[in-house]
């Protein structure tokens, strides 16, 4: 009977030992040592040798600025000096279409025919004017005979001659109106839509039987036909304010389109706008590019490349530029792992390259990528350095106060 309590005591002792071991501290995991943080010395940020962040900070040597390429967005459009947009001059219904997209036409070629009562009225006005003119000529002839016989006065003859001249002028006006739209001598109400230039039908916006009205024309309304000569195209270039000096009329540029990678088309600047587009803050520049083989198409998006020459300064990547307050700055690597910020002055800013006129010399190494990350790291290191300095200054003062208080207590 005495062994049972002893067994229970041993069991309780084992359980207590297990619980104490389970509540004890866990073994420390294997944690990789953290690399030393970069420090600021003077105006330089110093990284320890082998710091992993150095792999994210590639450098590139600044090169002397001589000839750089400026790339600008562009768009191809029809050469408006060789383009005609055709709208209906009279209301009517389409009875026949004689031309389609891609068809070459000559001046006077019929593109479509309309049955137009309004044009028929114009033809009738011409015919009526001709009849009136013949009648007035006969009346003048009779008046001259009567005047020669002394039956009528001279003023009656002069009035008759004036009426005949007015009738003849009305004939000329009516004939010119109908001839302008391809009218015939008879009244048939057939209106012909004709091309006024030699070119290719590049757009057609009508169907057989469609009803047309003259008020269905103007800005925002597509033309019935667009005839253009695609042997040359206009290039609409969106230039920035700083690029206007190199895009003057007569300047040359190269054009590249996505459809023909590696192929450059030569163009020439025709005109530049005198105002800045308030929505895009760009200046519209119009150029001309030859297209004899018709490989280029209107409304293609392209890149215009203009070469600009500088007599001084250095070229660095655009990604190397940061803002130091209100000034531009770059980070220069003075020795491996050591970087210093340097204020610079820019004379040209491009999407890929910038030209620095002051603050940098050719051959100096600048951080070409992750410059913003380096600027942030420099700022953090500066704050840590200032914090350590303040703590070191405050420590002796605190020790002095503690010694004084102990002396007073004694």
Protein backbone atom coordinates (compact mmCIF):
# COMPACT_ATOMS: atom_id res chain seq x y z
CA UNK A 1 0.00 0.00 0.00
CA UNK A 2 3.01 2.32 0.47
CA UNK A 3 4.40 1.79 -3.08
CA UNK A 4 1.42 3.41 -4.84
CA UNK A 5 2.02 6.94 -3.51
CA UNK A 6 5.70 6.65 -4.37
CA UNK A 7 4.83 5.72 -7.99
CA UNK A 8 2.50 8.68 -8.23
CA UNK A 9 5.20 10.99 -6.95
CA UNK A 10 7.65 9.77 -9.58
CA UNK A 11 5.09 10.22 -12.35
CA UNK A 12 4.33 13.77 -11.22
CA UNK A 13 8.03 14.58 -11.13
CA UNK A 14 8.51 13.38 -14.74
CA UNK A 15 5.50 15.41 -15.95
CA UNK A 16 6.74 18.54 -14.20
CA UNK A 17 10.16 18.16 -15.75
CA UNK A 18 8.60 17.80 -19.25
CA UNK A 19 6.44 20.88 -18.73
CA UNK A 20 9.43 22.93 -17.60
CA UNK A 21 11.45 21.88 -20.63
CA UNK A 22 8.55 22.76 -22.98
CA UNK A 23 8.19 26.24 -21.48
CA UNK A 24 11.89 26.97 -21.74
CA UNK A 25 13.38 29.28 -24.42
CA UNK A 26 13.48 27.89 -27.99
CA UNK A 27 16.86 27.49 -29.67
CA UNK A 28 17.90 30.59 -31.63
CA UNK A 29 17.44 30.21 -35.45
CA UNK A 30 20.34 30.61 -37.82
CA UNK A 31 20.04 34.26 -38.97
CA UNK A 32 22.37 35.56 -41.67
CA UNK A 33 24.41 38.56 -40.50
CA UNK A 34 23.15 41.91 -41.82
CA UNK A 35 25.60 43.84 -44.03
CA UNK A 36 27.02 47.04 -42.61
CA UNK A 37 25.04 50.13 -43.57
CA UNK A 38 26.64 52.84 -45.74
CA UNK A 39 27.81 55.95 -43.94
CA UNK A 40 28.19 59.62 -44.85
CA UNK A 41 31.59 61.23 -44.60
CA UNK A 42 31.54 64.87 -45.57
CA UNK A 43 29.55 65.00 -48.79
CA UNK A 44 30.21 61.40 -49.79
CA UNK A 45 28.24 58.22 -49.23
CA UNK A 46 30.52 55.26 -48.58
CA UNK A 47 29.43 51.65 -48.98
CA UNK A 48 31.37 48.78 -47.35
CA UNK A 49 33.23 46.55 -49.76
CA UNK A 50 31.00 43.84 -51.20
CA UNK A 51 27.76 45.54 -50.17
CA UNK A 52 24.88 43.90 -52.14
CA UNK A 53 23.34 47.28 -53.01
CA UNK A 54 26.36 48.15 -55.17
CA UNK A 55 25.12 45.67 -57.78
CA UNK A 56 22.06 47.89 -58.28
CA UNK A 57 24.11 51.01 -58.98
CA UNK A 58 25.68 50.70 -62.44
CA UNK A 59 27.79 53.61 -63.64
CA UNK A 60 28.46 55.16 -67.03
CA UNK A 61 31.16 57.59 -68.08
CA UNK A 62 30.05 61.06 -69.17
CA UNK A 63 31.05 61.67 -72.77
CA UNK A 64 31.71 64.90 -74.57
CA UNK A 65 28.60 66.29 -76.24
CA UNK A 66 29.05 66.57 -80.00
CA UNK A 67 26.15 65.06 -81.89
CA UNK A 68 23.09 63.67 -80.13
CA UNK A 69 19.85 62.28 -81.52
CA UNK A 70 16.54 63.80 -80.43
CA UNK A 71 13.56 61.46 -80.80
CA UNK A 72 10.08 62.96 -81.13
CA UNK A 73 6.64 61.37 -81.65
CA UNK A 74 5.20 61.82 -85.14
CA UNK A 75 2.22 60.81 -87.25
CA UNK A 76 1.86 60.40 -91.02
CA UNK A 77 -1.06 62.16 -92.75
CA UNK A 78 -2.07 62.89 -96.33
CA UNK A 79 -0.24 65.63 -98.18
CA UNK A 80 -3.01 68.24 -98.16
CA UNK A 81 -1.41 70.08 -101.06
CA UNK A 82 -2.15 66.99 -103.18
CA UNK A 83 -5.44 65.94 -101.60
CA UNK A 84 -9.05 66.68 -102.52
CA UNK A 85 -12.12 65.97 -100.39
CA UNK A 86 -15.35 65.81 -102.35
CA UNK A 87 -18.74 66.79 -100.88
CA UNK A 88 -22.14 67.06 -102.61
CA UNK A 89 -22.98 70.49 -104.01
CA UNK A 90 -26.67 69.58 -104.50
CA UNK A 91 -29.08 67.24 -102.76
CA UNK A 92 -29.71 63.99 -104.56
CA UNK A 93 -29.66 60.20 -104.59
CA UNK A 94 -26.65 58.05 -105.54
CA UNK A 95 -27.44 56.16 -108.76
CA UNK A 96 -24.02 54.84 -109.70
CA UNK A 97 -20.54 54.57 -108.18
CA UNK A 98 -17.70 54.62 -110.69
CA UNK A 99 -14.60 54.56 -108.44
CA UNK A 100 -13.47 52.63 -105.40
CA UNK A 101 -10.63 52.76 -102.89
CA UNK A 102 -7.25 52.14 -104.47
CA UNK A 103 -8.32 53.18 -107.97
CA UNK A 104 -6.15 55.75 -109.75
CA UNK A 105 -8.05 58.67 -111.29
CA UNK A 106 -7.25 61.67 -113.44
CA UNK A 107 -8.64 65.23 -113.37
CA UNK A 108 -12.26 65.07 -114.54
CA UNK A 109 -12.69 61.35 -113.85
CA UNK A 110 -16.24 60.55 -112.68
CA UNK A 111 -16.37 59.06 -109.21
CA UNK A 112 -20.15 58.73 -108.79
CA UNK A 113 -23.44 59.93 -110.28
CA UNK A 114 -26.44 61.40 -108.49
CA UNK A 115 -30.04 62.00 -109.51
CA UNK A 116 -30.54 65.56 -108.27
CA UNK A 117 -33.70 67.62 -108.78
CA UNK A 118 -31.85 70.63 -107.39
CA UNK A 119 -29.18 70.28 -110.04
CA UNK A 120 -31.94 69.85 -112.60
CA UNK A 121 -33.29 73.23 -111.48
CA UNK A 122 -29.85 74.74 -112.10
CA UNK A 123 -29.82 73.18 -115.58
CA UNK A 124 -33.30 74.60 -116.26
CA UNK A 125 -32.12 78.04 -115.14
CA UNK A 126 -29.31 77.82 -117.68
CA UNK A 127 -31.66 76.81 -120.47
CA UNK A 128 -34.11 79.58 -119.57
CA UNK A 129 -31.31 82.15 -119.51
CA UNK A 130 -30.24 81.08 -122.98
CA UNK A 131 -33.80 81.45 -124.32
CA UNK A 132 -34.12 84.88 -122.72
CA UNK A 133 -30.80 85.94 -124.22
CA UNK A 134 -31.86 84.89 -127.74
CA UNK A 135 -35.14 86.77 -127.34
CA UNK A 136 -33.34 89.91 -126.17
CA UNK A 137 -30.93 89.74 -129.12
CA UNK A 138 -33.87 89.59 -131.55
CA UNK A 139 -35.48 92.54 -129.79
CA UNK A 140 -32.27 94.55 -130.10
CA UNK A 141 -32.12 93.79 -133.80
CA UNK A 142 -35.69 95.09 -134.31
CA UNK A 143 -35.00 98.18 -132.25
CA UNK A 144 -31.98 98.99 -134.39
CA UNK A 145 -34.07 98.74 -137.55
CA UNK A 146 -36.76 100.97 -136.07
CA UNK A 147 -34.17 103.48 -134.91
CA UNK A 148 -32.60 103.54 -138.36
CA UNK A 149 -36.06 104.32 -139.81
CA UNK A 150 -36.50 107.15 -137.29
CA UNK A 151 -39.47 105.53 -135.60
CA UNK A 152 -38.06 105.21 -132.05
CA UNK A 153 -35.77 107.36 -129.97
CA UNK A 154 -32.13 106.51 -129.19
CA UNK A 155 -32.90 105.92 -125.51
CA UNK A 156 -35.26 103.06 -126.42
CA UNK A 157 -32.49 101.41 -128.45
CA UNK A 158 -29.99 101.84 -125.61
CA UNK A 159 -32.46 100.35 -123.12
CA UNK A 160 -32.94 97.33 -125.36
CA UNK A 161 -29.18 96.85 -125.73
CA UNK A 162 -28.74 97.02 -121.96
CA UNK A 163 -31.43 94.36 -121.45
CA UNK A 164 -29.67 92.12 -123.96
CA UNK A 165 -26.33 92.55 -122.19
CA UNK A 166 -27.89 91.60 -118.86
CA UNK A 167 -29.47 88.53 -120.38
CA UNK A 168 -26.12 87.49 -121.86
CA UNK A 169 -24.45 87.91 -118.45
CA UNK A 170 -27.09 85.69 -116.87
CA UNK A 171 -26.38 83.03 -119.50
CA UNK A 172 -22.67 83.13 -118.70
CA UNK A 173 -23.35 82.83 -114.98
CA UNK A 174 -25.77 79.92 -115.34
CA UNK A 175 -23.52 78.07 -117.77
CA UNK A 176 -20.48 78.49 -115.48
CA UNK A 177 -22.47 77.12 -112.54
CA UNK A 178 -23.61 73.99 -114.34
CA UNK A 179 -20.25 73.46 -116.01
CA UNK A 180 -18.55 73.62 -112.62
CA UNK A 181 -20.41 70.48 -111.59
CA UNK A 182 -20.24 68.70 -114.92
CA UNK A 183 -23.62 69.72 -116.27
CA UNK A 184 -24.76 69.07 -119.83
CA UNK A 185 -26.72 71.23 -122.30
CA UNK A 186 -29.92 69.33 -121.61
CA UNK A 187 -31.95 69.13 -118.42
CA UNK A 188 -31.40 65.57 -117.15
CA UNK A 189 -30.87 66.12 -113.39
CA UNK A 190 -27.72 63.96 -113.56
CA UNK A 191 -25.01 65.29 -111.26
CA UNK A 192 -21.52 63.86 -111.65
CA UNK A 193 -19.03 63.83 -108.77
CA UNK A 194 -15.63 64.21 -110.43
CA UNK A 195 -12.03 64.32 -109.29
CA UNK A 196 -10.23 67.61 -109.71
CA UNK A 197 -6.71 66.20 -109.35
CA UNK A 198 -4.69 63.19 -110.41
CA UNK A 199 -4.22 60.66 -107.65
CA UNK A 200 -5.63 57.60 -105.92
CA UNK A 201 -9.02 57.19 -104.26
CA UNK A 202 -7.97 56.67 -100.65
CA UNK A 203 -11.39 56.95 -99.00
CA UNK A 204 -15.02 56.33 -100.00
CA UNK A 205 -17.99 57.06 -97.76
CA UNK A 206 -21.15 56.53 -99.80
CA UNK A 207 -23.33 53.64 -100.99
CA UNK A 208 -25.72 53.13 -103.92
CA UNK A 209 -29.13 54.67 -103.27
CA UNK A 210 -27.88 56.88 -100.46
CA UNK A 211 -29.61 60.24 -100.03
CA UNK A 212 -27.22 63.18 -99.84
CA UNK A 213 -27.66 66.81 -98.81
CA UNK A 214 -25.26 69.76 -99.03
CA UNK A 215 -25.62 70.46 -95.31
CA UNK A 216 -24.07 67.05 -94.61
CA UNK A 217 -20.57 68.40 -95.07
CA UNK A 218 -17.95 70.38 -93.25
CA UNK A 219 -15.80 69.77 -90.15
CA UNK A 220 -16.46 66.45 -88.47
CA UNK A 221 -18.35 64.98 -91.45
CA UNK A 222 -16.42 62.51 -93.63
CA UNK A 223 -16.12 63.41 -97.29
CA UNK A 224 -17.84 61.27 -99.91
CA UNK A 225 -14.49 60.68 -101.62
CA UNK A 226 -10.92 61.54 -100.68
CA UNK A 227 -8.47 61.61 -103.57
CA UNK A 228 -4.78 62.01 -102.79
CA UNK A 229 -1.38 61.48 -104.35
CA UNK A 230 0.42 59.13 -101.92
CA UNK A 231 3.81 59.70 -103.59
CA UNK A 232 4.54 62.05 -100.67
CA UNK A 233 3.10 62.34 -97.18
CA UNK A 234 3.04 64.97 -94.48
CA UNK A 235 4.60 64.24 -91.09
CA UNK A 236 3.00 65.84 -88.05
CA UNK A 237 5.69 66.11 -85.34
CA UNK A 238 4.96 67.00 -81.71
CA UNK A 239 7.99 69.03 -80.63
CA UNK A 240 8.82 70.38 -77.19
CA UNK A 241 9.71 73.99 -76.55
CA UNK A 242 13.42 73.21 -76.25
CA UNK A 243 13.40 71.45 -79.64
CA UNK A 244 12.05 74.33 -81.72
CA UNK A 245 15.54 75.59 -82.49
CA UNK A 246 16.44 72.43 -84.41
CA UNK A 247 13.12 72.05 -86.25
CA UNK A 248 13.17 75.12 -88.43
CA UNK A 249 11.83 75.04 -92.03
CA UNK A 250 14.34 73.29 -94.25
CA UNK A 251 15.85 71.15 -91.47
CA UNK A 252 16.27 67.43 -92.20
CA UNK A 253 15.11 64.56 -90.03
CA UNK A 254 14.92 60.76 -90.13
CA UNK A 255 11.68 58.85 -89.76
CA UNK A 256 11.28 55.35 -88.36
CA UNK A 257 8.02 53.37 -88.28
CA UNK A 258 7.24 50.11 -86.51
CA UNK A 259 6.32 48.37 -89.77
CA UNK A 260 9.91 48.64 -91.07
CA UNK A 261 12.29 48.32 -88.10
CA UNK A 262 15.79 49.48 -88.87
CA UNK A 263 14.70 51.38 -92.00
CA UNK A 264 15.03 55.15 -91.93
CA UNK A 265 13.09 57.48 -94.25
CA UNK A 266 14.46 60.94 -94.97
CA UNK A 267 12.22 63.95 -94.42
CA UNK A 268 12.36 67.73 -94.42
CA UNK A 269 10.63 70.29 -92.20
CA UNK A 270 8.10 72.44 -94.09
CA UNK A 271 6.62 74.66 -91.38
CA UNK A 272 6.32 75.05 -87.61
CA UNK A 273 3.41 76.41 -85.61
CA UNK A 274 3.70 79.76 -83.83
CA UNK A 275 1.77 78.64 -80.74
CA UNK A 276 1.95 75.88 -78.14
CA UNK A 277 -0.88 73.37 -77.85
CA UNK A 278 -2.29 74.06 -74.35
CA UNK A 279 -3.43 70.44 -73.86
CA UNK A 280 -0.15 68.72 -74.76
CA UNK A 281 2.31 71.62 -74.28
CA UNK A 282 3.88 70.80 -77.63
CA UNK A 283 4.47 72.69 -80.85
CA UNK A 284 3.10 71.24 -84.08
CA UNK A 285 5.76 70.86 -86.77
CA UNK A 286 4.89 69.76 -90.31
CA UNK A 287 7.36 67.83 -92.42
CA UNK A 288 7.39 66.10 -95.80
CA UNK A 289 8.61 62.59 -96.58
CA UNK A 290 8.87 60.95 -100.01
CA UNK A 291 6.77 57.81 -100.55
CA UNK A 292 7.27 56.81 -104.16
CA UNK A 293 7.07 53.09 -103.36
CA UNK A 294 3.96 53.69 -101.20
CA UNK A 295 5.31 51.68 -98.27
CA UNK A 296 4.30 54.40 -95.83
CA UNK A 297 0.60 54.72 -95.02
CA UNK A 298 -1.37 57.65 -93.68
CA UNK A 299 -2.10 57.61 -89.92
CA UNK A 300 0.99 55.51 -89.20
CA UNK A 301 2.65 56.38 -85.90
CA UNK A 302 6.35 57.09 -86.27
CA UNK A 303 9.41 58.44 -84.51
CA UNK A 304 11.18 61.47 -85.94
CA UNK A 305 14.90 61.64 -85.23
CA UNK A 306 16.72 64.94 -85.42
CA UNK A 307 20.46 65.31 -84.94
CA UNK A 308 21.64 68.22 -82.80
CA UNK A 309 25.26 69.34 -82.45
CA UNK A 310 26.74 70.84 -79.25
CA UNK A 311 30.11 72.59 -79.05
CA UNK A 312 30.50 72.03 -75.28
CA UNK A 313 29.08 70.04 -72.38
CA UNK A 314 28.81 66.32 -71.66
CA UNK A 315 26.13 63.71 -72.30
CA UNK A 316 24.76 61.44 -69.55
CA UNK A 317 21.73 59.10 -69.40
CA UNK A 318 18.45 60.76 -68.51
CA UNK A 319 17.96 58.21 -65.71
CA UNK A 320 21.05 59.61 -63.97
CA UNK A 321 19.39 62.99 -63.28
CA UNK A 322 17.69 63.61 -59.92
CA UNK A 323 16.29 66.72 -58.26
CA UNK A 324 18.16 68.18 -55.30
CA UNK A 325 15.61 70.68 -54.09
CA UNK A 326 15.09 72.89 -57.14
CA UNK A 327 18.38 71.93 -58.81
CA UNK A 328 19.29 69.00 -61.00
CA UNK A 329 21.92 66.65 -59.63
CA UNK A 330 23.82 63.45 -60.44
CA UNK A 331 25.71 60.99 -58.27
CA UNK A 332 29.38 60.72 -59.22
CA UNK A 333 31.44 57.67 -58.24
CA UNK A 334 34.76 59.05 -57.04
CA UNK A 335 36.16 55.61 -56.15
CA UNK A 336 34.68 52.10 -55.87
CA UNK A 337 31.78 52.21 -53.43
CA UNK A 338 32.03 55.97 -52.84
CA UNK A 339 29.43 58.35 -54.31
CA UNK A 340 28.88 62.07 -54.02
CA UNK A 341 25.95 64.20 -55.22
CA UNK A 342 26.80 66.97 -57.64
CA UNK A 343 24.56 69.83 -58.82
CA UNK A 344 24.55 70.21 -62.60
CA UNK A 345 23.10 72.58 -65.21
CA UNK A 346 21.19 71.10 -68.17
CA UNK A 347 21.01 72.60 -71.65
CA UNK A 348 19.06 69.77 -73.26
CA UNK A 349 16.68 67.16 -71.87
CA UNK A 350 15.75 64.17 -73.98
CA UNK A 351 13.85 60.98 -73.13
CA UNK A 352 17.08 58.96 -73.13
CA UNK A 353 19.97 61.41 -72.87
CA UNK A 354 20.58 64.85 -71.41
CA UNK A 355 23.34 67.39 -72.02
CA UNK A 356 25.06 68.90 -68.98
CA UNK A 357 26.80 72.25 -69.43
CA UNK A 358 28.13 72.79 -65.88
CA UNK A 359 29.04 70.60 -62.91
CA UNK A 360 30.43 67.55 -64.68
CA UNK A 361 33.48 66.68 -66.73
CA UNK A 362 33.89 64.16 -69.52
CA UNK A 363 35.06 60.78 -68.24
CA UNK A 364 33.56 61.04 -64.76
CA UNK A 365 31.44 58.06 -63.73
CA UNK A 366 27.80 58.78 -62.94
CA UNK A 367 25.19 56.38 -61.56
CA UNK A 368 23.08 55.51 -64.60
CA UNK A 369 20.30 53.55 -62.89
CA UNK A 370 18.50 53.60 -59.53
CA UNK A 371 19.75 57.14 -58.87
CA UNK A 372 16.57 57.88 -56.88
CA UNK A 373 17.27 54.88 -54.65
CA UNK A 374 20.78 56.17 -54.04
CA UNK A 375 19.46 59.67 -53.25
CA UNK A 376 17.09 58.17 -50.68
CA UNK A 377 19.92 56.15 -49.15
CA UNK A 378 22.10 59.26 -48.97
CA UNK A 379 19.33 61.19 -47.19
CA UNK A 380 18.76 58.37 -44.66
CA UNK A 381 22.50 58.08 -43.97
CA UNK A 382 22.72 61.85 -43.43
CA UNK A 383 19.89 61.74 -40.89
CA UNK A 384 21.54 58.83 -39.05
CA UNK A 385 24.84 60.72 -38.97
CA UNK A 386 23.18 63.83 -37.55
CA UNK A 387 21.34 61.72 -34.95
CA UNK A 388 24.54 60.08 -33.77
CA UNK A 389 26.28 63.46 -33.48
CA UNK A 390 23.45 64.87 -31.38
CA UNK A 391 23.46 61.85 -29.07
CA UNK A 392 27.23 62.09 -28.58
CA UNK A 393 26.94 65.77 -27.66
CA UNK A 394 24.12 65.17 -25.21
CA UNK A 395 25.92 62.27 -23.40
CA UNK A 396 28.71 64.39 -21.72
CA UNK A 397 26.16 66.97 -20.63
CA UNK A 398 24.06 64.28 -18.98
CA UNK A 399 27.11 62.88 -17.16
CA UNK A 400 27.99 66.38 -15.89
CA UNK A 401 24.51 66.92 -14.50
CA UNK A 402 24.62 63.53 -12.76
CA UNK A 403 27.98 64.37 -11.07
CA UNK A 404 26.66 67.74 -9.88
CA UNK A 405 23.57 66.17 -8.37
CA UNK A 406 25.69 63.61 -6.50
CA UNK A 407 27.92 66.37 -5.07
CA UNK A 408 24.95 68.33 -3.85
CA UNK A 409 23.49 65.30 -2.16
CA UNK A 410 26.71 64.70 -0.26
